[in-house]
C-alpha atoms as a PDB file:
ATOM      1  CA  MET A   1       9.359  17.906 -15.160  1.00  0.00           C
ATOM      2  CA  GLY A   2       7.910  17.939 -11.764  1.00  0.00           C
ATOM      3  CA  THR A   3       6.685  15.367  -9.151  1.00  0.00           C
ATOM      4  CA  SER A   4       3.248  14.158  -8.230  1.00  0.00           C
ATOM      5  CA  VAL A   5       2.664  12.076  -5.159  1.00  0.00           C
ATOM      6  CA  CYS A   6      -0.611  10.015  -5.344  1.00  0.00           C
ATOM      7  CA  MET A   7      -2.150   9.078  -1.826  1.00  0.00           C
ATOM      8  CA  ALA A   8      -5.275   7.170  -1.088  1.00  0.00           C
ATOM      9  CA  THR A   9      -6.802   7.900   2.664  1.00  0.00           C
ATOM     10  CA  TYR A  10      -9.233   6.378   4.524  1.00  0.00           C
ATOM     11  CA  ASN A  11      -9.989   6.933   8.267  1.00  0.00           C
ATOM     12  CA  GLY A  12      -6.076   7.786   8.539  1.00  0.00           C
ATOM     13  CA  GLU A  13      -6.358  10.780  10.886  1.00  0.00           C
ATOM     14  CA  LYS A  14      -3.706   9.455  13.366  1.00  0.00           C
ATOM     15  CA  TYR A  15      -1.030   9.135  10.976  1.00  0.00           C
ATOM     16  CA  VAL A  16      -1.579  11.077   7.762  1.00  0.00           C
ATOM     17  CA  VAL A  17      -0.075  14.238   8.918  1.00  0.00           C
ATOM     18  CA  ARG A  18       3.175  12.717   9.887  1.00  0.00           C
ATOM     19  CA  GLN A  19       3.320  10.938   6.518  1.00  0.00           C
ATOM     20  CA  LEU A  20       2.455  14.134   4.438  1.00  0.00           C
ATOM     21  CA  GLU A  21       5.151  16.016   6.352  1.00  0.00           C
ATOM     22  CA  SER A  22       7.836  13.517   5.467  1.00  0.00           C
ATOM     23  CA  ILE A  23       6.792  13.739   1.816  1.00  0.00           C
ATOM     24  CA  LEU A  24       6.277  17.509   1.567  1.00  0.00           C
ATOM     25  CA  SER A  25       9.934  18.146   3.036  1.00  0.00           C
ATOM     26  CA  GLN A  26      11.295  16.436  -0.265  1.00  0.00           C
ATOM     27  CA  LEU A  27       9.200  18.228  -2.628  1.00  0.00           C
ATOM     28  CA  SER A  28       9.680  21.485  -4.560  1.00  0.00           C
ATOM     29  CA  ALA A  29       7.342  24.325  -4.661  1.00  0.00           C
ATOM     30  CA  GLY A  30       5.758  23.229  -8.115  1.00  0.00           C
ATOM     31  CA  ASP A  31       5.371  19.580  -7.117  1.00  0.00           C
ATOM     32  CA  GLU A  32       1.845  18.188  -5.848  1.00  0.00           C
ATOM     33  CA  VAL A  33       0.483  15.592  -3.614  1.00  0.00           C
ATOM     34  CA  ILE A  34      -2.826  14.321  -4.854  1.00  0.00           C
ATOM     35  CA  VAL A  35      -4.868  13.013  -1.915  1.00  0.00           C
ATOM     36  CA  VAL A  36      -8.226  11.045  -2.784  1.00  0.00           C
ATOM     37  CA  ASP A  37     -10.116  10.380   0.477  1.00  0.00           C
ATOM     38  CA  ASP A  38     -12.569   7.406   0.394  1.00  0.00           C
ATOM     39  CA  CYS A  39     -15.143   9.117   2.491  1.00  0.00           C
ATOM     40  CA  SER A  40     -13.362   8.890   5.829  1.00  0.00           C
ATOM     41  CA  THR A  41     -15.632   8.881   8.740  1.00  0.00           C
ATOM     42  CA  ASP A  42     -12.829  10.284  11.156  1.00  0.00           C
ATOM     43  CA  GLY A  43     -10.858  13.440  10.992  1.00  0.00           C
ATOM     44  CA  THR A  44      -8.849  12.727   8.090  1.00  0.00           C
ATOM     45  CA  VAL A  45      -9.998  15.339   5.659  1.00  0.00           C
ATOM     46  CA  GLU A  46      -9.680  18.002   8.420  1.00  0.00           C
ATOM     47  CA  ALA A  47      -6.044  16.883   9.253  1.00  0.00           C
ATOM     48  CA  VAL A  48      -5.103  17.130   5.595  1.00  0.00           C
ATOM     49  CA  LYS A  49      -6.703  20.519   5.314  1.00  0.00           C
ATOM     50  CA  GLY A  50      -5.039  21.715   8.409  1.00  0.00           C
ATOM     51  CA  LEU A  51      -1.556  21.505   6.837  1.00  0.00           C
ATOM     52  CA  ASN A  52      -2.605  24.313   4.611  1.00  0.00           C
ATOM     53  CA  ASP A  53      -0.104  23.565   1.890  1.00  0.00           C
ATOM     54  CA  SER A  54      -0.932  24.639  -1.601  1.00  0.00           C
ATOM     55  CA  ARG A  55       0.726  21.714  -2.828  1.00  0.00           C
ATOM     56  CA  ILE A  56      -1.796  19.290  -1.647  1.00  0.00           C
ATOM     57  CA  VAL A  57      -4.747  18.833  -3.812  1.00  0.00           C
ATOM     58  CA  LEU A  58      -7.745  17.014  -1.960  1.00  0.00           C
ATOM     59  CA  HIS A  59     -10.440  15.075  -3.642  1.00  0.00           C
ATOM     60  CA  ILE A  60     -13.175  12.986  -1.956  1.00  0.00           C
ATOM     61  CA  ASN A  61     -14.925  10.233  -3.565  1.00  0.00           C
ATOM     62  CA  ASP A  62     -18.773  10.480  -3.918  1.00  0.00           C
ATOM     63  CA  ARG A  63     -18.915   7.133  -1.797  1.00  0.00           C
ATOM     64  CA  ASN A  64     -16.757   4.511  -0.308  1.00  0.00           C
ATOM     65  CA  ARG A  65     -14.989   2.871  -3.304  1.00  0.00           C
ATOM     66  CA  ARG A  66     -11.808   1.138  -1.873  1.00  0.00           C
ATOM     67  CA  GLU A  67      -8.207   1.817  -2.362  1.00  0.00           C
ATOM     68  CA  VAL A  68      -7.888   0.634  -5.860  1.00  0.00           C
ATOM     69  CA  TYR A  69     -10.331   3.131  -7.263  1.00  0.00           C
ATOM     70  CA  SER A  70      -8.876   5.954  -5.220  1.00  0.00           C
ATOM     71  CA  PHE A  71      -5.291   5.238  -6.537  1.00  0.00           C
ATOM     72  CA  SER A  72      -6.744   5.073 -10.084  1.00  0.00           C
ATOM     73  CA  ARG A  73      -8.477   8.386  -9.545  1.00  0.00           C
ATOM     74  CA  ALA A  74      -5.248   9.870  -8.047  1.00  0.00           C
ATOM     75  CA  ILE A  75      -2.997   8.765 -10.804  1.00  0.00           C
ATOM     76  CA  SER A  76      -5.548   9.914 -13.496  1.00  0.00           C
ATOM     77  CA  LEU A  77      -5.343  13.474 -11.850  1.00  0.00           C
ATOM     78  CA  ALA A  78      -1.616  13.745 -11.498  1.00  0.00           C
ATOM     79  CA  ARG A  79      -0.037  16.465 -13.623  1.00  0.00           C
ATOM     80  CA  HIS A  80       3.838  15.935 -13.634  1.00  0.00           C
ATOM     81  CA  GLN A  81       6.275  13.549 -15.043  1.00  0.00           C
ATOM     82  CA  TYR A  82       7.501  11.560 -11.999  1.00  0.00           C
ATOM     83  CA  ILE A  83       4.550   9.921 -10.217  1.00  0.00           C
ATOM     84  CA  PHE A  84       5.027   8.420  -6.676  1.00  0.00           C
ATOM     85  CA  LEU A  85       2.532   6.187  -4.920  1.00  0.00           C
ATOM     86  CA  SER A  86       2.109   6.664  -1.195  1.00  0.00           C
ATOM     87  CA  ASP A  87       0.109   4.961   1.761  1.00  0.00           C
ATOM     88  CA  GLN A  88      -1.408   7.311   4.544  1.00  0.00           C
ATOM     89  CA  ASP A  89       0.454   5.995   7.261  1.00  0.00           C
ATOM     90  CA  ASP A  90       4.141   5.358   6.316  1.00  0.00           C
ATOM     91  CA  ILE A  91       7.129   7.580   6.730  1.00  0.00           C
ATOM     92  CA  TRP A  92       9.386   8.611   3.881  1.00  0.00           C
ATOM     93  CA  LEU A  93      13.065   8.724   4.528  1.00  0.00           C
ATOM     94  CA  PRO A  94      15.084  11.606   3.425  1.00  0.00           C
ATOM     95  CA  GLY A  95      16.542  11.240  -0.222  1.00  0.00           C
ATOM     96  CA  ARG A  96      13.724   9.040  -1.398  1.00  0.00           C
ATOM     97  CA  VAL A  97      12.372  11.333  -4.037  1.00  0.00           C
ATOM     98  CA  ALA A  98      15.877  12.197  -5.331  1.00  0.00           C
ATOM     99  CA  LEU A  99      17.028   8.682  -5.507  1.00  0.00           C
ATOM    100  CA  MET A 100      13.880   7.319  -7.268  1.00  0.00           C
ATOM    101  CA  THR A 101      13.662  10.327  -9.730  1.00  0.00           C
ATOM    102  CA  GLN A 102      17.296   9.538 -10.645  1.00  0.00           C
ATOM    103  CA  ALA A 103      16.321   5.721 -11.361  1.00  0.00           C
ATOM    104  CA  LEU A 104      13.446   6.841 -13.422  1.00  0.00           C
ATOM    105  CA  GLN A 105      15.913   8.518 -15.981  1.00  0.00           C
ATOM    106  CA  THR A 106      16.745   4.913 -17.258  1.00  0.00           C
ATOM    107  CA  SER A 107      13.323   3.090 -16.449  1.00  0.00           C
ATOM    108  CA  LEU A 108       9.653   3.566 -16.566  1.00  0.00           C
ATOM    109  CA  LEU A 109       9.045   1.977 -13.234  1.00  0.00           C
ATOM    110  CA  ALA A 110      11.341   2.123 -10.011  1.00  0.00           C
ATOM    111  CA  THR A 111      10.593  -0.100  -6.872  1.00  0.00           C
ATOM    112  CA  THR A 112      12.602  -0.042  -3.681  1.00  0.00           C
ATOM    113  CA  ASN A 113      12.597  -1.649  -0.325  1.00  0.00           C
ATOM    114  CA  PHE A 114      11.602  -0.533   3.228  1.00  0.00           C
ATOM    115  CA  ASP A 115      11.663  -1.388   6.804  1.00  0.00           C
ATOM    116  CA  TRP A 116       8.739  -2.277   9.015  1.00  0.00           C
ATOM    117  CA  VAL A 117       7.983  -0.006  12.121  1.00  0.00           C
ATOM    118  CA  ASP A 118       5.132  -0.229  14.722  1.00  0.00           C
ATOM    119  CA  GLN A 119       2.630   2.390  15.496  1.00  0.00           C
ATOM    120  CA  ASP A 120       5.211   4.356  17.561  1.00  0.00           C
ATOM    121  CA  GLU A 121       7.821   4.085  14.755  1.00  0.00           C
ATOM    122  CA  ARG A 122       9.958   1.322  16.555  1.00  0.00           C
ATOM    123  CA  PRO A 123      11.541  -1.245  14.263  1.00  0.00           C
ATOM    124  CA  LEU A 124       9.503  -4.622  13.797  1.00  0.00           C
ATOM    125  CA  GLN A 125      11.205  -7.703  12.564  1.00  0.00           C
ATOM    126  CA  LEU A 126       8.450  -8.587  10.254  1.00  0.00           C
ATOM    127  CA  SER A 127       9.266 -11.048   7.077  1.00  0.00           C
ATOM    128  CA  HIS A 128       9.190  -9.487   3.676  1.00  0.00           C
ATOM    129  CA  ASP A 129      10.609 -10.583   0.464  1.00  0.00           C
ATOM    130  CA  GLY A 130      12.097  -7.265  -0.940  1.00  0.00           C
ATOM    131  CA  VAL A 131      12.988  -6.713  -4.618  1.00  0.00           C
ATOM    132  CA  LEU A 132      16.426  -7.568  -5.714  1.00  0.00           C
ATOM    133  CA  PRO A 133      18.593  -5.413  -8.171  1.00  0.00           C
ATOM    134  CA  GLN A 134      19.715  -8.416 -10.221  1.00  0.00           C
ATOM    135  CA  ASP A 135      16.028  -9.118 -10.935  1.00  0.00           C
ATOM    136  CA  SER A 136      15.496  -5.725 -12.521  1.00  0.00           C
ATOM    137  CA  SER A 137      15.798  -7.090 -16.085  1.00  0.00           C
ATOM    138  CA  ARG A 138      14.246 -10.611 -15.458  1.00  0.00           C
ATOM    139  CA  HIS A 139      10.779  -9.312 -16.451  1.00  0.00           C
ATOM    140  CA  PHE A 140       9.077 -12.724 -17.179  1.00  0.00           C
ATOM    141  CA  LYS A 141      10.436 -14.231 -13.786  1.00  0.00           C
ATOM    142  CA  ASN A 142       9.130 -11.366 -11.871  1.00  0.00           C
ATOM    143  CA  ILE A 143       5.635 -11.741 -13.337  1.00  0.00           C
ATOM    144  CA  ALA A 144       5.915 -15.491 -12.644  1.00  0.00           C
ATOM    145  CA  ASP A 145       7.044 -14.681  -9.088  1.00  0.00           C
ATOM    146  CA  ILE A 146       4.151 -12.365  -8.491  1.00  0.00           C
ATOM    147  CA  PHE A 147       1.623 -15.300  -9.615  1.00  0.00           C
ATOM    148  CA  VAL A 148       3.130 -17.671  -7.170  1.00  0.00           C
ATOM    149  CA  GLY A 149       3.574 -15.201  -4.440  1.00  0.00           C
ATOM    150  CA  LYS A 150       7.337 -15.335  -4.188  1.00  0.00           C
ATOM    151  CA  THR A 151       7.932 -11.669  -4.778  1.00  0.00           C
ATOM    152  CA  THR A 152       5.802  -9.212  -3.019  1.00  0.00           C
ATOM    153  CA  TYR A 153       5.415  -5.786  -4.807  1.00  0.00           C
ATOM    154  CA  PHE A 154       4.065  -2.783  -2.677  1.00  0.00           C
ATOM    155  CA  GLY A 155       2.587   0.099  -4.553  1.00  0.00           C
ATOM    156  CA  CYS A 156       3.756   2.464  -1.924  1.00  0.00           C
ATOM    157  CA  ALA A 157       7.460   1.368  -2.907  1.00  0.00           C
ATOM    158  CA  MET A 158       6.986   2.409  -6.491  1.00  0.00           C
ATOM    159  CA  ALA A 159       7.366   5.552  -8.658  1.00  0.00           C
ATOM    160  CA  PHE A 160       6.971   5.779 -12.457  1.00  0.00           C
ATOM    161  CA  ARG A 161       7.011   8.090 -15.317  1.00  0.00           C
ATOM    162  CA  ARG A 162       4.266   9.620 -16.938  1.00  0.00           C
ATOM    163  CA  GLU A 163       4.601   7.413 -20.065  1.00  0.00           C
ATOM    164  CA  LEU A 164       3.236   4.446 -18.208  1.00  0.00           C
ATOM    165  CA  VAL A 165      -0.064   6.079 -16.960  1.00  0.00           C
ATOM    166  CA  PRO A 166      -2.096   5.461 -20.121  1.00  0.00           C
ATOM    167  CA  LEU A 167      -1.206   1.792 -19.537  1.00  0.00           C
ATOM    168  CA  ILE A 168      -2.000   1.778 -15.692  1.00  0.00           C
ATOM    169  CA  VAL A 169      -5.248   3.932 -15.757  1.00  0.00           C
ATOM    170  CA  PRO A 170      -8.132   3.318 -15.491  1.00  0.00           C
ATOM    171  CA  ILE A 171      -7.608   0.353 -13.258  1.00  0.00           C
ATOM    172  CA  PRO A 172     -10.483  -2.134 -13.849  1.00  0.00           C
ATOM    173  CA  ASP A 173     -13.094  -2.677 -10.915  1.00  0.00           C
ATOM    174  CA  TYR A 174     -12.272  -6.329 -10.529  1.00  0.00           C
ATOM    175  CA  VAL A 175      -8.593  -5.611  -9.664  1.00  0.00           C
ATOM    176  CA  GLU A 176      -8.046  -6.364  -5.989  1.00  0.00           C
ATOM    177  CA  SER A 177      -4.608  -4.858  -5.670  1.00  0.00           C
ATOM    178  CA  HIS A 178      -3.322  -1.786  -7.307  1.00  0.00           C
ATOM    179  CA  ASP A 179       0.195  -3.040  -6.300  1.00  0.00           C
ATOM    180  CA  TRP A 180       0.143  -6.014  -8.558  1.00  0.00           C
ATOM    181  CA  TRP A 181      -1.379  -4.150 -11.485  1.00  0.00           C
ATOM    182  CA  VAL A 182       1.399  -1.296 -11.480  1.00  0.00           C
ATOM    183  CA  ALA A 183       4.060  -4.112 -10.935  1.00  0.00           C
ATOM    184  CA  LEU A 184       2.722  -6.085 -13.867  1.00  0.00           C
ATOM    185  CA  ALA A 185       2.448  -3.217 -16.214  1.00  0.00           C
ATOM    186  CA  GLY A 186       6.196  -2.181 -15.638  1.00  0.00           C
ATOM    187  CA  ASN A 187       7.392  -5.780 -16.090  1.00  0.00           C
ATOM    188  CA  LEU A 188       5.213  -6.413 -19.168  1.00  0.00           C
ATOM    189  CA  VAL A 189       6.733  -3.457 -21.114  1.00  0.00           C
ATOM    190  CA  GLY A 190      10.192  -4.528 -19.889  1.00  0.00           C
ATOM    191  CA  SER A 191      11.174  -1.584 -17.689  1.00  0.00           C
ATOM    192  CA  ASN A 192      11.199  -1.968 -13.870  1.00  0.00           C
ATOM    193  CA  ILE A 193      14.315  -1.171 -11.964  1.00  0.00           C
ATOM    194  CA  HIS A 194      14.634  -2.686  -8.542  1.00  0.00           C
ATOM    195  CA  LEU A 195      16.624  -0.638  -5.983  1.00  0.00           C
ATOM    196  CA  SER A 196      18.019  -2.325  -2.942  1.00  0.00           C
ATOM    197  CA  ASP A 197      17.643   0.867  -0.927  1.00  0.00           C
ATOM    198  CA  LYS A 198      15.157   1.134   2.033  1.00  0.00           C
ATOM    199  CA  THR A 199      13.489   4.355   1.227  1.00  0.00           C
ATOM    200  CA  PHE A 200      10.768   4.433   3.748  1.00  0.00           C
ATOM    201  CA  TRP A 201       9.320   3.003   6.926  1.00  0.00           C
ATOM    202  CA  LYS A 202       6.241   1.156   6.497  1.00  0.00           C
ATOM    203  CA  ARG A 203       3.894   1.246   9.602  1.00  0.00           C
ATOM    204  CA  SER A 204       2.042  -1.678  10.857  1.00  0.00           C
ATOM    205  CA  HIS A 205      -0.498  -0.889  13.469  1.00  0.00           C
ATOM    206  CA  GLY A 206      -3.100  -3.569  13.338  1.00  0.00           C
ATOM    207  CA  ASN A 207      -5.525  -1.118  11.480  1.00  0.00           C
ATOM    208  CA  ASN A 208      -3.917  -0.743   8.150  1.00  0.00           C
ATOM    209  CA  ALA A 209      -6.128  -0.079   5.117  1.00  0.00           C
ATOM    210  CA  THR A 210      -4.228  -2.932   3.492  1.00  0.00           C
ATOM    211  CA  SER A 211      -3.248  -6.157   5.103  1.00  0.00           C
ATOM    212  CA  THR A 212       0.325  -6.853   6.315  1.00  0.00           C
ATOM    213  CA  THR A 213      -0.199 -10.682   6.436  1.00  0.00           C
ATOM    214  CA  SER A 214      -0.346 -13.307   3.926  1.00  0.00           C
ATOM    215  CA  SER A 215      -2.707 -15.678   5.880  1.00  0.00           C
ATOM    216  CA  ARG A 216      -5.419 -16.293   3.276  1.00  0.00           C
ATOM    217  CA  SER A 217      -7.994 -19.038   2.531  1.00  0.00           C
ATOM    218  CA  LEU A 218      -7.326 -21.475  -0.362  1.00  0.00           C
ATOM    219  CA  ALA A 219     -10.561 -20.025  -2.166  1.00  0.00           C
ATOM    220  CA  SER A 220      -9.065 -16.490  -1.642  1.00  0.00           C
ATOM    221  CA  LYS A 221      -5.799 -17.456  -3.162  1.00  0.00           C
ATOM    222  CA  LEU A 222      -7.405 -19.117  -6.047  1.00  0.00           C
ATOM    223  CA  ARG A 223      -9.521 -15.970  -6.757  1.00  0.00           C
ATOM    224  CA  SER A 224      -6.378 -13.876  -6.683  1.00  0.00           C
ATOM    225  CA  ARG A 225      -4.711 -16.101  -9.191  1.00  0.00           C
ATOM    226  CA  ALA A 226      -7.720 -15.833 -11.387  1.00  0.00           C
ATOM    227  CA  ILE A 227      -7.668 -12.080 -11.103  1.00  0.00           C
ATOM    228  CA  PHE A 228      -3.999 -12.102 -11.864  1.00  0.00           C
ATOM    229  CA  ALA A 229      -4.460 -13.789 -15.093  1.00  0.00           C
ATOM    230  CA  ARG A 230      -7.275 -11.689 -16.359  1.00  0.00           C
ATOM    231  CA  SER A 231      -5.134  -8.611 -15.279  1.00  0.00           C
ATOM    232  CA  LEU A 232      -2.137  -9.816 -17.382  1.00  0.00           C
ATOM    233  CA  LEU A 233      -4.379 -10.459 -20.411  1.00  0.00           C
ATOM    234  CA  ASP A 234      -6.124  -7.141 -20.165  1.00  0.00           C
ATOM    235  CA  LEU A 235      -2.807  -5.223 -19.589  1.00  0.00           C
ATOM    236  CA  GLN A 236      -1.262  -7.084 -22.548  1.00  0.00           C
ATOM    237  CA  LYS A 237      -4.248  -5.953 -24.637  1.00  0.00           C
ATOM    238  CA  ARG A 238      -3.865  -2.390 -23.600  1.00  0.00           C
ATOM    239  CA  ARG A 239      -0.044  -2.456 -24.056  1.00  0.00           C
ATOM    240  CA  ARG A 240      -0.394  -3.696 -27.694  1.00  0.00           C
ATOM    241  CA  LYS A 241      -3.105  -1.013 -28.436  1.00  0.00           C
ATOM    242  CA  LEU A 242      -0.948   1.794 -26.906  1.00  0.00           C
ATOM    243  CA  ASP A 243       2.247   0.414 -28.412  1.00  0.00           C
ATOM    244  CA  ILE A 244       4.146   1.201 -24.934  1.00  0.00           C
ATOM    245  CA  SER A 245       7.472  -0.594 -24.556  1.00  0.00           C
ATOM    246  CA  ALA A 246      10.947   0.133 -22.917  1.00  0.00           C
ATOM    247  CA  ALA A 247      12.247   0.430 -26.624  1.00  0.00           C
ATOM    248  CA  THR A 248       9.773   3.249 -27.187  1.00  0.00           C
ATOM    249  CA  PHE A 249      10.858   4.835 -24.080  1.00  0.00           C
ATOM    250  CA  ALA A 250      14.555   4.705 -24.811  1.00  0.00           C
ATOM    251  CA  ALA A 251      13.852   6.144 -28.249  1.00  0.00           C
END
C-alpha cells in the first residue's frame, strides 16, 4: 500500500531538516517524501539533498509559483495509497503516520489537531479552533463553518487515500488555499474523519510561508468568500464527473 508525504518548500533551510527527520523516522523503506521546492533562494535544496535519503524525491519548479501549485504538483507525483501533506517547518510527533493510516481504513480524508510551538520548539498559547470528532459526519456543517471562518482546516494536518486524488488535483490557479480545497473535497464526498489527537507541532516563527494570523481586510475576506464559492462549485462538477463518493469507497 505505502505512504507518500507531500511537502512544499520555499526558503525553509533553517527548519526543513528537522521536519524531514521527524517524518522519515516514521516511514518504511518503500515509502516516499515528495519535496517540491518553489525556487528557494537560500540553502533549502542543499539541505534536503544533504540528508541523502533515497526515500526523498526532490523536484524544483521552473519558477516561483507559490505553495498551492507546489502542493498540487507534489500530490500529482505521489505514488502510494496513503498521502500526507506536510509543511516545511513543523515537527511530526511519534505515531502520527500509524494513527492516521489506521483512520484512513474507514475514511477518504483524515484531519487531526496540533500544538503551536515557537522557533525553538517551546509551547505557544495561540488560539486555534481545532477539529472535533463529533463533527466528522456533519459534512454540510463543516463546509458552512469553513465559509464563515468558524472551522480552520490546515493542510498540514491532513492525510487522504489515493481515491481522493482525482478530485483534488489539479488545483486551479485561482485557489488561494490548498487547505480549504482539500477539506472541501473530503467533506463534499462525505468522508472526512476528525481526530482529536494532536499529532504534530506547528511552528510559528514570524516568517512562515503561510500566515498564522486571521487579521485580514474586509476586501480580502470578501474575495476569499468568492473563491470559496467558486471552489465549491468546481469541486461539485468534478465530483459528479468522476462519480467519487463515500459510498463508492465503502463498496
